[in-house]
Amino acid sequence: MADKKIRLSGEDGDIELYVVEQTMIGNVNYLLVTASDDDEAQAYIMKETGTETEDAFYTFVEDENELEAISKVFGELLEDVDLEIDG
């Protein structure tokens, strides 16, 4: 599925996520990521919230309206992938 990974650092340690797709909307960078490269893996949408030197900062998109709009964009970019929003 995806071969690019990102590493997130948090209070509970680091996690690696697979980047499935990336897009920019309104000067905001969005990533579609999964925790595994399995075809049935649950996907998450993250947005870049800032950069500091070479590191970028991303947060999970939690706003339902934003999540729905961005998931439609990713759905169009990945025609062969069925995206479903849990909510």
N, C-alpha and C. Protein backbone atom coordinates (compact mmCIF):
# COMPACT_ATOMS: atom_id res chain seq x y z
N MET A 1 0.84 -1.19 0.00
CA MET A 1 0.00 0.00 0.00
C MET A 1 0.87 1.24 0.00
N ALA A 2 1.52 1.56 1.11
CA ALA A 2 2.34 2.76 1.23
C ALA A 2 3.74 2.37 1.64
N ASP A 3 4.71 3.10 1.12
CA ASP A 3 6.09 2.79 1.49
C ASP A 3 6.76 3.91 2.25
N LYS A 4 6.13 5.06 2.37
CA LYS A 4 6.68 6.18 3.12
C LYS A 4 6.12 6.15 4.53
N LYS A 5 6.99 6.34 5.51
CA LYS A 5 6.56 6.35 6.91
C LYS A 5 6.90 7.70 7.54
N ILE A 6 6.10 8.05 8.54
CA ILE A 6 6.43 9.20 9.37
C ILE A 6 6.49 8.73 10.82
N ARG A 7 7.24 9.42 11.61
CA ARG A 7 7.36 9.09 13.03
C ARG A 7 6.78 10.23 13.84
N LEU A 8 5.84 9.87 14.72
CA LEU A 8 5.24 10.85 15.62
C LEU A 8 5.79 10.65 17.01
N SER A 9 6.17 11.73 17.63
CA SER A 9 6.68 11.68 18.99
C SER A 9 5.64 12.26 19.93
N GLY A 10 5.37 11.55 21.00
CA GLY A 10 4.40 12.02 21.99
C GLY A 10 4.83 11.66 23.38
N GLU A 11 3.99 11.97 24.35
CA GLU A 11 4.30 11.69 25.75
C GLU A 11 4.44 10.19 26.01
N ASP A 12 3.71 9.37 25.24
CA ASP A 12 3.74 7.92 25.43
C ASP A 12 4.80 7.24 24.57
N GLY A 13 5.63 8.00 23.89
CA GLY A 13 6.67 7.43 23.04
C GLY A 13 6.42 7.74 21.57
N ASP A 14 7.19 7.08 20.72
CA ASP A 14 7.10 7.30 19.28
C ASP A 14 6.23 6.23 18.63
N ILE A 15 5.52 6.63 17.57
CA ILE A 15 4.80 5.66 16.74
C ILE A 15 5.13 5.97 15.28
N GLU A 16 5.14 4.93 14.45
CA GLU A 16 5.35 5.11 13.03
C GLU A 16 4.05 4.87 12.30
N LEU A 17 3.76 5.72 11.34
CA LEU A 17 2.56 5.59 10.52
C LEU A 17 2.96 5.56 9.05
N TYR A 18 2.21 4.80 8.27
CA TYR A 18 2.42 4.73 6.84
C TYR A 18 1.63 5.85 6.16
N VAL A 19 2.28 6.59 5.28
CA VAL A 19 1.63 7.66 4.53
C VAL A 19 1.05 7.05 3.25
N VAL A 20 -0.27 7.08 3.13
CA VAL A 20 -0.95 6.54 1.97
C VAL A 20 -1.03 7.58 0.87
N GLU A 21 -1.34 8.81 1.25
CA GLU A 21 -1.49 9.90 0.28
C GLU A 21 -1.26 11.22 0.99
N GLN A 22 -0.94 12.24 0.20
CA GLN A 22 -0.70 13.57 0.73
C GLN A 22 -1.34 14.57 -0.23
N THR A 23 -1.92 15.63 0.32
CA THR A 23 -2.49 16.69 -0.52
C THR A 23 -2.40 18.02 0.21
N MET A 24 -2.47 19.10 -0.55
CA MET A 24 -2.46 20.43 0.05
C MET A 24 -3.74 21.14 -0.36
N ILE A 25 -4.46 21.66 0.63
CA ILE A 25 -5.70 22.38 0.40
C ILE A 25 -5.63 23.69 1.17
N GLY A 26 -5.78 24.79 0.47
CA GLY A 26 -5.75 26.09 1.13
C GLY A 26 -4.47 26.33 1.91
N ASN A 27 -3.33 25.97 1.34
CA ASN A 27 -2.02 26.11 1.97
C ASN A 27 -1.84 25.28 3.23
N VAL A 28 -2.69 24.26 3.42
CA VAL A 28 -2.55 23.34 4.55
C VAL A 28 -2.24 21.96 3.99
N ASN A 29 -1.19 21.35 4.51
CA ASN A 29 -0.76 20.03 4.07
C ASN A 29 -1.52 18.97 4.87
N TYR A 30 -2.16 18.02 4.18
CA TYR A 30 -2.89 16.93 4.81
C TYR A 30 -2.27 15.60 4.43
N LEU A 31 -2.26 14.66 5.38
CA LEU A 31 -1.77 13.31 5.15
C LEU A 31 -2.88 12.31 5.45
N LEU A 32 -2.97 11.27 4.62
CA LEU A 32 -3.81 10.12 4.91
C LEU A 32 -2.86 9.03 5.36
N VAL A 33 -2.99 8.59 6.61
CA VAL A 33 -2.03 7.65 7.20
C VAL A 33 -2.74 6.43 7.77
N THR A 34 -1.98 5.34 7.91
CA THR A 34 -2.47 4.13 8.56
C THR A 34 -1.40 3.62 9.52
N ALA A 35 -1.81 2.79 10.47
CA ALA A 35 -0.86 2.23 11.43
C ALA A 35 -0.16 1.00 10.87
N SER A 36 -0.72 0.40 9.80
CA SER A 36 -0.09 -0.77 9.18
C SER A 36 -0.26 -0.66 7.67
N ASP A 37 0.49 -1.48 6.94
CA ASP A 37 0.37 -1.44 5.48
C ASP A 37 -0.64 -2.46 4.95
N ASP A 38 -1.48 -2.99 5.83
CA ASP A 38 -2.55 -3.91 5.46
C ASP A 38 -3.61 -3.16 4.65
N ASP A 39 -4.16 -3.80 3.62
CA ASP A 39 -5.17 -3.16 2.77
C ASP A 39 -6.44 -2.82 3.54
N GLU A 40 -6.73 -3.49 4.64
CA GLU A 40 -7.94 -3.24 5.42
C GLU A 40 -7.68 -2.38 6.66
N ALA A 41 -6.53 -1.73 6.71
CA ALA A 41 -6.15 -0.93 7.89
C ALA A 41 -7.04 0.30 8.02
N GLN A 42 -7.24 0.71 9.25
CA GLN A 42 -8.00 1.93 9.52
C GLN A 42 -7.11 3.13 9.19
N ALA A 43 -7.69 4.10 8.49
CA ALA A 43 -6.93 5.27 8.07
C ALA A 43 -7.31 6.49 8.91
N TYR A 44 -6.35 7.40 9.01
CA TYR A 44 -6.54 8.64 9.75
C TYR A 44 -6.09 9.80 8.87
N ILE A 45 -6.71 10.94 9.07
CA ILE A 45 -6.30 12.14 8.35
C ILE A 45 -5.63 13.08 9.35
N MET A 46 -4.45 13.54 8.96
CA MET A 46 -3.69 14.46 9.80
C MET A 46 -3.43 15.73 9.00
N LYS A 47 -3.29 16.85 9.73
CA LYS A 47 -2.95 18.09 9.04
C LYS A 47 -1.74 18.72 9.69
N GLU A 48 -0.96 19.38 8.86
CA GLU A 48 0.23 20.06 9.34
C GLU A 48 -0.19 21.32 10.07
N THR A 49 0.30 21.48 11.28
CA THR A 49 -0.08 22.64 12.08
C THR A 49 1.07 23.61 12.27
N GLY A 50 2.24 23.26 11.75
CA GLY A 50 3.38 24.16 11.85
C GLY A 50 4.67 23.43 11.61
N THR A 51 5.71 24.18 11.41
CA THR A 51 7.04 23.60 11.23
C THR A 51 8.02 24.34 12.11
N GLU A 52 9.00 23.62 12.51
CA GLU A 52 10.08 24.21 13.30
C GLU A 52 11.36 23.59 12.78
N THR A 53 12.21 24.39 12.20
CA THR A 53 13.42 23.92 11.52
C THR A 53 13.03 22.87 10.49
N GLU A 54 13.57 21.66 10.59
CA GLU A 54 13.28 20.60 9.62
C GLU A 54 12.10 19.74 10.02
N ASP A 55 11.59 19.88 11.23
CA ASP A 55 10.49 19.05 11.71
C ASP A 55 9.16 19.71 11.42
N ALA A 56 8.20 18.89 10.99
CA ALA A 56 6.83 19.37 10.78
C ALA A 56 5.98 18.86 11.92
N PHE A 57 4.96 19.60 12.27
CA PHE A 57 4.05 19.21 13.34
C PHE A 57 2.69 18.89 12.74
N TYR A 58 2.17 17.71 13.06
CA TYR A 58 0.88 17.26 12.55
C TYR A 58 -0.04 16.92 13.70
N THR A 59 -1.33 17.15 13.49
CA THR A 59 -2.36 16.74 14.44
C THR A 59 -3.43 15.98 13.68
N PHE A 60 -4.13 15.10 14.39
CA PHE A 60 -5.23 14.37 13.79
C PHE A 60 -6.40 15.32 13.58
N VAL A 61 -7.05 15.23 12.42
CA VAL A 61 -8.22 16.06 12.13
C VAL A 61 -9.39 15.49 12.93
N GLU A 62 -9.98 16.31 13.78
CA GLU A 62 -11.08 15.86 14.63
C GLU A 62 -12.40 16.54 14.29
N ASP A 63 -12.35 17.71 13.64
CA ASP A 63 -13.56 18.42 13.27
C ASP A 63 -14.29 17.62 12.20
N GLU A 64 -15.56 17.26 12.46
CA GLU A 64 -16.31 16.38 11.56
C GLU A 64 -16.49 16.98 10.17
N ASN A 65 -16.75 18.27 10.07
CA ASN A 65 -16.93 18.91 8.77
C ASN A 65 -15.64 18.90 7.96
N GLU A 66 -14.54 19.23 8.61
CA GLU A 66 -13.24 19.22 7.95
C GLU A 66 -12.87 17.80 7.55
N LEU A 67 -13.11 16.85 8.44
CA LEU A 67 -12.79 15.45 8.18
C LEU A 67 -13.56 14.93 6.97
N GLU A 68 -14.84 15.26 6.88
CA GLU A 68 -15.66 14.81 5.76
C GLU A 68 -15.18 15.42 4.45
N ALA A 69 -14.87 16.72 4.47
CA ALA A 69 -14.42 17.40 3.25
C ALA A 69 -13.09 16.85 2.76
N ILE A 70 -12.15 16.67 3.67
CA ILE A 70 -10.82 16.19 3.27
C ILE A 70 -10.88 14.73 2.85
N SER A 71 -11.72 13.93 3.49
CA SER A 71 -11.83 12.53 3.09
C SER A 71 -12.38 12.40 1.68
N LYS A 72 -13.25 13.32 1.27
CA LYS A 72 -13.75 13.31 -0.12
C LYS A 72 -12.62 13.58 -1.10
N VAL A 73 -11.73 14.49 -0.75
CA VAL A 73 -10.58 14.80 -1.61
C VAL A 73 -9.70 13.56 -1.73
N PHE A 74 -9.39 12.92 -0.60
CA PHE A 74 -8.57 11.72 -0.64
C PHE A 74 -9.28 10.60 -1.41
N GLY A 75 -10.58 10.51 -1.29
CA GLY A 75 -11.35 9.52 -2.04
C GLY A 75 -11.21 9.71 -3.54
N GLU A 76 -11.18 10.97 -3.99
CA GLU A 76 -10.99 11.26 -5.40
C GLU A 76 -9.57 10.96 -5.85
N LEU A 77 -8.59 11.25 -4.99
CA LEU A 77 -7.20 10.97 -5.33
C LEU A 77 -6.92 9.47 -5.41
N LEU A 78 -7.59 8.72 -4.56
CA LEU A 78 -7.39 7.26 -4.49
C LEU A 78 -8.64 6.57 -4.99
N GLU A 79 -8.86 6.60 -6.27
CA GLU A 79 -10.08 6.07 -6.85
C GLU A 79 -10.34 4.62 -6.50
N ASP A 80 -9.27 3.82 -6.34
CA ASP A 80 -9.44 2.39 -6.09
C ASP A 80 -9.54 2.04 -4.60
N VAL A 81 -9.62 3.05 -3.75
CA VAL A 81 -9.69 2.83 -2.31
C VAL A 81 -11.05 3.29 -1.81
N ASP A 82 -11.69 2.46 -0.98
CA ASP A 82 -13.00 2.80 -0.40
C ASP A 82 -12.78 3.40 0.98
N LEU A 83 -13.00 4.72 1.11
CA LEU A 83 -12.83 5.39 2.39
C LEU A 83 -14.17 5.51 3.08
N GLU A 84 -14.23 5.11 4.34
CA GLU A 84 -15.45 5.24 5.14
C GLU A 84 -15.12 6.04 6.39
N ILE A 85 -16.01 6.97 6.74
CA ILE A 85 -15.80 7.80 7.92
C ILE A 85 -16.64 7.21 9.05
N ASP A 86 -15.97 6.95 10.17
CA ASP A 86 -16.70 6.52 11.38
C ASP A 86 -17.05 7.77 12.16
N GLY A 87 -18.27 7.85 12.59
CA GLY A 87 -18.61 9.05 13.34
C GLY A 87 -19.86 8.94 14.11
